[in-house]
Amino acid sequence: MLLLRPTTIARKTLRVSTRKFATDAGQLRRTGLYDFHLENKAKMVPFAGYSMPLSYGDVGQVASHNHVRTDAGLFDVGHMVQSNFRGSSATQFLEWLTPSSLSSLKSYSSTLSVILNENGGIIDDTVITKHADDAFYVVTNAGRRDRDLAWFKQKLEQWNSSDHAKNGPVEMEVLENWGLLALQGPRAASYLQALTSFDLTKLTFGTSAFVPLEGFNLHVARGGYTGEDGFEISIPPSETVEVAKMLSKYPVQLTGLGARDSLRLEAGMCLYGNDLDEDTSPVEAGLSWVIGKERKDNGQFIGAEGVREHLKNGPPRRRVGFVVEGAPARQGAKIFSKDEQIGIITSGIPSPTLNKNIAMGFVKNGFHKRDTELEVEVRNRKRQAVVTSMPFVKPNYWRG
């Protein structure tokens, strides 16, 4: 297996195609930190309908990536849609929209989940935080904003006009223009601890709390999109810039989309539109674990029939990881077993941490087992690709 030499990848800027960050939308939205980014010499690119920072100043994407792996980086993820759902049947409503077991989720705990269409395809992936049985905080993807909000509106109207709402309606509040900052890296906790009297060792991965931070009282969730320890902090619009300035002091480094993409791929995490879409079930996507154990057989959620078919008989294809020899395989590269095309790459990069070309993609069921040797067509040449377990880089989550 040919590996990229450390000296080669360390000297180069990780090439991330800006086509990945393109949008068909007209006027780009801006987060509350747009001017802050420009002041910090950000290179802004279109992403999910927003103008977002790709990188900052002369800091290359590999250097930025490595800083998050070894120290801490701060990401603006304020383009994500933050919403509150409230009502006596909020738990049941969200268990209808998703296959997750929210009834058994503890207060101020979170879970990754998926919003499914009638066929069991993924409308969006989402993080759901339960504050109480009648109160949930939900984060969804910016690129799916219009689709998600229309779906929520339709399903709320349907739910609230039924017997489910006999004790009152479920209401949704979109937190428009709220900030969302992700502080990520092995030193993130020590930097944040210096700003609060709250004992962050008690805030384990997948839990959240309202935390006092230098006079601000903010919703802080432990987790993120990098595989490192970290926090996602929700901030009212009037406080976003001040909090960003407070959290981005040296040695914390502002980090853009380029490094975010390579970090999430090393962590084996999906990017909607690349690795997930409405024609992909959670079983195909390797996300069966988000389906509640007791809900796999009899859960009454939208798309249940299609999901159960895949659970029972196996999906036609599966998402897997690869290590690819030679040049990196990018989105759209074809996967072969001998002369038969059996899949396609959905995400791929040279890994700054591993100094290997890594990728993920979908292959026909049966070709998904670890160490299966396949080929990927890159630059009109077939290159060896070995099915590899994900995540590619061991997570460093704080579990107490």
Protein backbone atom coordinates (compact mmCIF):
# COMPACT_ATOMS: atom_id res chain seq x y z
CA MET A 1 0.00 0.00 0.00
CA LEU A 2 1.53 3.30 -1.07
CA LEU A 3 1.44 5.95 1.64
CA LEU A 4 1.93 9.67 1.23
CA ARG A 5 5.19 10.70 2.79
CA PRO A 6 4.76 12.96 5.86
CA THR A 7 7.13 15.53 4.37
CA THR A 8 4.98 15.77 1.27
CA ILE A 9 1.66 16.37 2.95
CA ALA A 10 3.02 18.64 5.66
CA ARG A 11 4.38 21.13 3.15
CA LYS A 12 1.27 21.32 1.06
CA THR A 13 -2.02 23.00 1.64
CA LEU A 14 -4.78 20.42 1.67
CA ARG A 15 -6.59 20.81 -1.62
CA VAL A 16 -10.30 21.17 -0.95
CA SER A 17 -12.37 21.89 -4.03
CA THR A 18 -14.45 25.03 -3.61
CA ARG A 19 -17.06 23.35 -5.81
CA LYS A 20 -18.03 21.43 -2.70
CA PHE A 21 -18.98 24.72 -1.11
CA ALA A 22 -20.97 26.08 -4.05
CA THR A 23 -24.65 26.93 -3.87
CA ASP A 24 -27.41 27.50 -6.34
CA ALA A 25 -29.05 30.10 -4.12
CA GLY A 26 -29.18 33.72 -5.19
CA GLN A 27 -28.28 36.17 -2.43
CA LEU A 28 -26.03 34.50 0.13
CA ARG A 29 -27.02 34.65 3.76
CA ARG A 30 -24.55 35.78 6.39
CA THR A 31 -24.05 34.61 9.93
CA GLY A 32 -23.73 37.16 12.69
CA LEU A 33 -19.96 36.79 12.46
CA TYR A 34 -19.55 37.84 8.80
CA ASP A 35 -17.76 41.13 9.60
CA PHE A 36 -15.75 39.37 12.32
CA HIS A 37 -14.50 36.89 9.71
CA LEU A 38 -13.46 39.65 7.32
CA GLU A 39 -11.63 41.44 10.13
CA ASN A 40 -9.69 38.21 10.69
CA LYS A 41 -8.74 37.94 6.98
CA ALA A 42 -11.05 35.06 6.18
CA LYS A 43 -11.39 33.75 2.64
CA MET A 44 -15.16 33.61 2.22
CA VAL A 45 -16.86 31.06 -0.05
CA PRO A 46 -20.49 30.09 -0.75
CA PHE A 47 -21.67 27.14 1.34
CA ALA A 48 -25.23 25.93 1.93
CA GLY A 49 -26.65 29.31 0.94
CA TYR A 50 -24.27 31.23 3.23
CA SER A 51 -21.04 33.14 2.81
CA MET A 52 -18.72 31.17 5.09
CA PRO A 53 -14.99 31.19 5.92
CA LEU A 54 -12.90 28.59 4.08
CA SER A 55 -9.67 29.60 5.82
CA TYR A 56 -8.09 32.55 7.64
CA GLY A 57 -5.10 34.66 6.60
CA ASP A 58 -2.07 32.68 5.49
CA VAL A 59 -2.84 29.64 7.67
CA GLY A 60 -3.11 26.65 5.34
CA GLN A 61 -5.84 24.06 5.70
CA VAL A 62 -3.43 21.32 6.79
CA ALA A 63 -1.93 23.55 9.50
CA SER A 64 -5.42 24.53 10.63
CA HIS A 65 -6.50 20.88 10.68
CA ASN A 66 -3.46 19.84 12.70
CA HIS A 67 -3.99 22.66 15.20
CA VAL A 68 -7.45 21.29 16.02
CA ARG A 69 -6.01 17.79 16.43
CA THR A 70 -3.29 19.00 18.83
CA ASP A 71 -4.66 22.18 20.45
CA ALA A 72 -8.00 23.90 19.79
CA GLY A 73 -9.86 25.59 16.97
CA LEU A 74 -13.00 27.72 16.86
CA PHE A 75 -15.59 27.22 14.10
CA ASP A 76 -18.51 29.42 13.15
CA VAL A 77 -21.41 27.01 12.60
CA GLY A 78 -24.06 29.69 12.91
CA HIS A 79 -25.39 28.76 9.48
CA MET A 80 -26.96 25.66 11.05
CA VAL A 81 -30.68 25.92 11.84
CA GLN A 82 -31.38 25.93 15.56
CA SER A 83 -34.95 25.27 16.72
CA ASN A 84 -36.92 24.63 19.87
CA PHE A 85 -39.88 22.25 19.97
CA ARG A 86 -42.26 22.57 22.91
CA GLY A 87 -45.52 20.92 23.89
CA SER A 88 -46.91 18.09 26.00
CA SER A 89 -46.55 15.65 23.07
CA ALA A 90 -43.21 16.99 21.77
CA THR A 91 -41.46 13.68 22.52
CA GLN A 92 -44.05 11.69 20.58
CA PHE A 93 -44.00 14.16 17.70
CA LEU A 94 -40.23 13.96 17.26
CA GLU A 95 -40.38 10.16 17.62
CA TRP A 96 -42.80 10.22 14.67
CA LEU A 97 -40.39 12.32 12.59
CA THR A 98 -37.30 10.27 13.53
CA PRO A 99 -36.55 6.63 14.44
CA SER A 100 -34.71 7.54 17.65
CA SER A 101 -35.76 6.62 21.19
CA LEU A 102 -36.32 10.07 22.67
CA SER A 103 -38.61 8.85 25.47
CA SER A 104 -35.67 7.13 27.16
CA LEU A 105 -33.20 9.97 26.52
CA LYS A 106 -32.19 11.69 29.75
CA SER A 107 -32.78 15.40 30.23
CA TYR A 108 -29.99 17.56 28.79
CA SER A 109 -28.71 14.64 26.73
CA SER A 110 -28.33 14.62 22.95
CA THR A 111 -28.46 12.09 20.15
CA LEU A 112 -27.64 12.12 16.48
CA SER A 113 -30.75 11.26 14.51
CA VAL A 114 -32.25 11.37 11.02
CA ILE A 115 -35.42 12.95 9.67
CA LEU A 116 -36.96 10.45 7.28
CA ASN A 117 -39.28 10.74 4.29
CA GLU A 118 -42.16 8.35 3.65
CA ASN A 119 -39.83 5.85 1.94
CA GLY A 120 -37.29 5.83 4.76
CA GLY A 121 -34.82 8.09 2.93
CA ILE A 122 -32.88 10.70 4.88
CA ILE A 123 -34.30 14.22 4.53
CA ASP A 124 -31.61 15.45 6.92
CA ASP A 125 -29.38 14.36 9.75
CA THR A 126 -29.86 16.22 12.99
CA VAL A 127 -28.74 16.49 16.60
CA ILE A 128 -31.63 16.42 19.06
CA THR A 129 -31.16 17.59 22.65
CA LYS A 130 -33.82 16.79 25.21
CA HIS A 131 -34.29 19.44 27.87
CA ALA A 132 -37.49 17.87 29.20
CA ASP A 133 -40.26 15.60 27.94
CA ASP A 134 -41.99 18.69 26.58
CA ALA A 135 -38.93 20.66 25.39
CA PHE A 136 -36.30 19.83 22.77
CA TYR A 137 -33.48 21.77 21.08
CA VAL A 138 -32.87 20.59 17.52
CA VAL A 139 -30.04 21.49 15.12
CA THR A 140 -30.39 20.81 11.40
CA ASN A 141 -28.30 21.53 8.32
CA ALA A 142 -28.27 24.91 6.60
CA GLY A 143 -28.29 23.35 3.15
CA ARG A 144 -31.57 21.61 4.00
CA ARG A 145 -33.17 24.64 5.61
CA ASP A 146 -36.04 25.11 3.15
CA ARG A 147 -36.80 21.40 2.86
CA ASP A 148 -36.64 20.84 6.62
CA LEU A 149 -38.72 23.84 7.64
CA ALA A 150 -41.42 23.05 5.09
CA TRP A 151 -41.49 19.43 6.31
CA PHE A 152 -41.69 20.51 9.96
CA LYS A 153 -44.51 22.94 9.15
CA GLN A 154 -46.49 20.30 7.25
CA LYS A 155 -46.06 17.64 9.91
CA LEU A 156 -46.83 20.02 12.78
CA GLU A 157 -50.09 21.00 11.12
CA GLN A 158 -50.93 17.33 10.65
CA TRP A 159 -50.01 16.44 14.23
CA ASN A 160 -51.75 19.40 15.84
CA SER A 161 -55.00 18.72 14.00
CA SER A 162 -55.12 15.15 15.33
CA ASP A 163 -55.91 13.56 18.68
CA HIS A 164 -52.19 13.65 19.48
CA ALA A 165 -52.58 17.33 20.40
CA LYS A 166 -55.60 16.92 22.69
CA ASN A 167 -53.52 18.28 25.59
CA GLY A 168 -52.18 21.16 23.55
CA PRO A 169 -50.23 21.72 20.35
CA VAL A 170 -46.56 21.17 19.67
CA GLU A 171 -44.94 24.48 18.77
CA MET A 172 -41.70 25.13 16.91
CA GLU A 173 -39.51 28.18 17.40
CA VAL A 174 -36.70 28.79 14.91
CA LEU A 175 -33.83 30.65 16.59
CA GLU A 176 -33.21 33.00 13.68
CA ASN A 177 -29.81 34.74 13.60
CA TRP A 178 -28.59 32.99 16.73
CA GLY A 179 -24.91 32.21 16.82
CA LEU A 180 -23.46 28.73 17.13
CA LEU A 181 -19.76 28.30 17.84
CA ALA A 182 -17.85 25.02 17.99
CA LEU A 183 -14.73 25.00 20.16
CA GLN A 184 -12.91 21.77 19.25
CA GLY A 185 -9.66 20.11 20.18
CA PRO A 186 -7.86 18.33 23.04
CA ARG A 187 -7.26 21.62 24.85
CA ALA A 188 -10.75 23.05 24.29
CA ALA A 189 -11.94 22.07 27.77
CA SER A 190 -9.04 23.74 29.58
CA TYR A 191 -9.53 26.98 27.64
CA LEU A 192 -13.29 27.02 28.28
CA GLN A 193 -12.85 26.07 31.95
CA ALA A 194 -10.80 29.22 32.48
CA LEU A 195 -13.90 31.25 31.57
CA THR A 196 -16.43 29.57 33.87
CA SER A 197 -17.03 28.42 37.42
CA PHE A 198 -19.04 25.48 36.06
CA ASP A 199 -17.16 22.18 36.46
CA LEU A 200 -16.83 21.02 32.85
CA THR A 201 -15.60 17.57 33.90
CA LYS A 202 -19.25 16.87 34.79
CA LEU A 203 -20.33 17.75 31.25
CA THR A 204 -19.64 14.52 29.36
CA PHE A 205 -19.90 13.76 25.66
CA GLY A 206 -23.50 14.01 24.46
CA THR A 207 -24.74 16.13 27.36
CA SER A 208 -25.42 19.84 27.69
CA ALA A 209 -26.08 22.54 30.26
CA PHE A 210 -26.60 26.27 30.58
CA VAL A 211 -23.14 27.47 31.54
CA PRO A 212 -22.07 30.91 32.85
CA LEU A 213 -19.25 32.22 30.65
CA GLU A 214 -17.78 35.54 31.70
CA GLY A 215 -21.18 37.08 32.37
CA PHE A 216 -23.05 35.22 29.62
CA ASN A 217 -25.38 32.31 30.37
CA LEU A 218 -25.19 30.06 27.32
CA HIS A 219 -26.35 26.63 26.20
CA VAL A 220 -23.21 24.49 25.92
CA ALA A 221 -23.30 20.98 24.46
CA ARG A 222 -20.28 18.68 24.64
CA GLY A 223 -19.62 17.17 21.23
CA GLY A 224 -18.89 18.27 17.70
CA TYR A 225 -17.99 17.33 14.15
CA THR A 226 -14.26 16.69 14.41
CA GLY A 227 -13.83 13.56 16.53
CA GLU A 228 -12.06 15.64 19.15
CA ASP A 229 -13.31 16.72 22.54
CA GLY A 230 -15.18 19.96 22.22
CA PHE A 231 -18.25 22.10 22.76
CA GLU A 232 -21.00 23.66 20.67
CA ILE A 233 -22.22 26.91 22.16
CA SER A 234 -25.55 28.52 21.22
CA ILE A 235 -25.55 32.30 21.52
CA PRO A 236 -28.24 35.02 21.26
CA PRO A 237 -27.68 37.36 18.28
CA SER A 238 -26.66 40.38 20.36
CA GLU A 239 -23.89 38.42 22.12
CA THR A 240 -22.41 36.36 19.29
CA VAL A 241 -19.53 38.66 18.27
CA GLU A 242 -18.42 39.32 21.83
CA VAL A 243 -18.43 35.61 22.68
CA ALA A 244 -16.50 34.80 19.50
CA LYS A 245 -13.84 37.34 20.41
CA MET A 246 -13.62 35.90 23.92
CA LEU A 247 -13.22 32.33 22.68
CA SER A 248 -10.78 33.03 19.83
CA LYS A 249 -7.92 34.39 21.88
CA TYR A 250 -4.49 32.83 21.30
CA PRO A 251 -3.72 29.94 21.17
CA VAL A 252 -7.25 29.06 20.00
CA GLN A 253 -7.21 29.35 16.22
CA LEU A 254 -10.11 30.39 14.01
CA THR A 255 -10.85 27.46 11.69
CA GLY A 256 -12.75 27.35 8.41
CA LEU A 257 -14.66 24.94 6.22
CA GLY A 258 -11.57 23.42 4.60
CA ALA A 259 -10.23 21.98 7.84
CA ARG A 260 -13.74 21.18 9.07
CA ASP A 261 -14.27 18.90 6.08
CA SER A 262 -11.02 16.97 6.52
CA LEU A 263 -11.54 16.65 10.27
CA ARG A 264 -15.07 15.28 9.91
CA LEU A 265 -13.99 12.79 7.24
CA GLU A 266 -11.17 11.46 9.42
CA ALA A 267 -13.84 11.09 12.14
CA GLY A 268 -16.00 9.08 9.73
CA MET A 269 -18.84 11.59 9.85
CA CYS A 270 -21.26 12.20 6.99
CA LEU A 271 -21.81 15.42 5.06
CA TYR A 272 -25.36 15.79 3.82
CA GLY A 273 -25.45 16.11 0.05
CA ASN A 274 -22.23 14.11 -0.29
CA ASP A 275 -22.77 11.04 1.84
CA LEU A 276 -26.48 11.31 2.65
CA ASP A 277 -29.57 12.12 0.60
CA GLU A 278 -33.27 11.32 0.32
CA ASP A 279 -32.58 8.12 -1.61
CA THR A 280 -30.39 6.74 1.19
CA SER A 281 -31.75 4.93 4.23
CA PRO A 282 -30.08 5.05 7.65
CA VAL A 283 -29.27 1.34 7.26
CA GLU A 284 -27.44 1.95 3.97
CA ALA A 285 -25.65 4.91 5.56
CA GLY A 286 -24.33 2.85 8.47
CA LEU A 287 -26.55 4.78 10.88
CA SER A 288 -28.71 1.91 12.13
CA TRP A 289 -27.46 2.73 15.63
CA VAL A 290 -29.58 5.91 15.70
CA ILE A 291 -32.70 3.71 15.49
CA GLY A 292 -33.96 2.92 18.97
CA LYS A 293 -33.64 -0.77 19.84
CA GLU A 294 -37.28 -1.06 20.82
CA ARG A 295 -38.36 0.89 17.74
CA LYS A 296 -36.77 -1.37 15.12
CA ASP A 297 -39.63 -3.86 15.26
CA ASN A 298 -42.67 -1.75 16.08
CA GLY A 299 -41.78 1.95 16.21
CA GLN A 300 -44.41 4.13 14.55
CA PHE A 301 -42.21 6.60 12.70
CA ILE A 302 -42.37 8.03 9.20
CA GLY A 303 -40.55 5.76 6.75
CA ALA A 304 -40.59 2.77 9.12
CA GLU A 305 -41.61 0.25 6.47
CA GLY A 306 -38.65 1.01 4.21
CA VAL A 307 -36.22 1.03 7.13
CA ARG A 308 -37.50 -2.31 8.43
CA GLU A 309 -37.12 -3.87 5.00
CA HIS A 310 -33.44 -2.92 5.01
CA LEU A 311 -32.98 -4.07 8.60
CA LYS A 312 -34.59 -7.44 7.92
CA ASN A 313 -33.24 -8.33 4.47
CA GLY A 314 -30.15 -6.13 4.26
CA PRO A 315 -29.79 -2.93 2.23
CA PRO A 316 -28.77 -3.02 -1.44
CA ARG A 317 -25.65 -0.99 -0.66
CA ARG A 318 -23.64 0.13 2.33
CA ARG A 319 -21.48 3.11 3.26
CA VAL A 320 -17.88 2.10 3.93
CA GLY A 321 -14.48 3.67 4.43
CA PHE A 322 -11.44 3.24 2.19
CA VAL A 323 -7.72 3.76 2.15
CA VAL A 324 -6.79 4.51 -1.46
CA GLU A 325 -3.37 4.02 -3.05
CA GLY A 326 -1.77 6.81 -5.07
CA ALA A 327 -3.87 9.88 -5.85
CA PRO A 328 -6.84 10.70 -3.58
CA ALA A 329 -10.29 9.60 -4.69
CA ARG A 330 -12.81 12.43 -4.79
CA GLN A 331 -16.59 12.56 -4.79
CA GLY A 332 -17.97 10.77 -7.84
CA ALA A 333 -15.07 8.39 -8.38
CA LYS A 334 -16.25 4.93 -9.45
CA ILE A 335 -15.57 1.84 -7.35
CA PHE A 336 -14.85 -1.47 -9.09
CA SER A 337 -14.55 -5.15 -8.28
CA LYS A 338 -12.53 -6.39 -11.26
CA ASP A 339 -14.48 -5.01 -14.24
CA GLU A 340 -17.79 -4.51 -12.44
CA GLN A 341 -18.68 -1.12 -11.04
CA ILE A 342 -20.07 -1.79 -7.59
CA GLY A 343 -20.18 1.65 -6.04
CA ILE A 344 -19.16 5.29 -5.93
CA ILE A 345 -17.03 7.52 -3.70
CA THR A 346 -18.95 10.24 -1.88
CA SER A 347 -16.11 11.97 0.04
CA GLY A 348 -12.33 11.70 -0.17
CA ILE A 349 -9.18 13.53 0.93
CA PRO A 350 -5.49 13.05 1.70
CA SER A 351 -5.66 12.65 5.50
CA PRO A 352 -3.37 15.17 7.23
CA THR A 353 -3.34 13.08 10.40
CA LEU A 354 -2.66 9.67 8.84
CA ASN A 355 -0.71 10.68 5.73
CA LYS A 356 -2.90 8.32 3.71
CA ASN A 357 -5.62 8.91 1.14
CA ILE A 358 -8.94 8.18 2.83
CA ALA A 359 -12.45 8.14 1.43
CA MET A 360 -15.95 6.95 2.07
CA GLY A 361 -18.53 5.74 -0.38
CA PHE A 362 -21.27 3.24 -1.09
CA VAL A 363 -20.72 -0.30 -2.37
CA LYS A 364 -23.04 -3.16 -3.19
CA ASN A 365 -23.99 -5.20 -0.17
CA GLY A 366 -21.50 -8.04 0.16
CA PHE A 367 -18.47 -5.93 -0.77
CA HIS A 368 -18.57 -3.99 2.50
CA LYS A 369 -16.51 -6.21 4.78
CA ARG A 370 -13.30 -4.84 6.26
CA ASP A 371 -10.09 -5.51 4.30
CA THR A 372 -11.99 -6.21 1.07
CA GLU A 373 -9.70 -5.19 -1.80
CA LEU A 374 -11.37 -3.14 -4.53
CA GLU A 375 -10.32 -0.52 -7.06
CA VAL A 376 -11.26 3.13 -7.48
CA GLU A 377 -10.96 4.99 -10.76
CA VAL A 378 -8.96 8.18 -10.24
CA ARG A 379 -7.78 10.28 -13.19
CA ASN A 380 -8.77 7.52 -15.63
CA ARG A 381 -6.66 4.97 -13.79
CA LYS A 382 -7.80 2.24 -11.42
CA ARG A 383 -6.08 2.38 -8.03
CA GLN A 384 -6.12 -0.08 -5.17
CA ALA A 385 -8.66 0.68 -2.44
CA VAL A 386 -9.07 -1.33 0.74
CA VAL A 387 -12.28 -1.25 2.78
CA THR A 388 -11.36 0.21 6.16
CA SER A 389 -13.23 0.65 9.43
CA MET A 390 -14.39 4.13 10.36
CA PRO A 391 -13.64 6.39 12.09
CA PHE A 392 -10.22 6.57 10.50
CA VAL A 393 -8.86 8.52 13.49
CA LYS A 394 -9.71 7.37 17.02
CA PRO A 395 -12.17 9.78 18.68
CA ASN A 396 -11.10 11.72 21.75
CA TYR A 397 -14.50 12.40 23.31
CA TRP A 398 -14.71 13.20 27.02
CA ARG A 399 -16.78 10.48 28.67
CA GLY A 400 -15.78 11.21 32.25
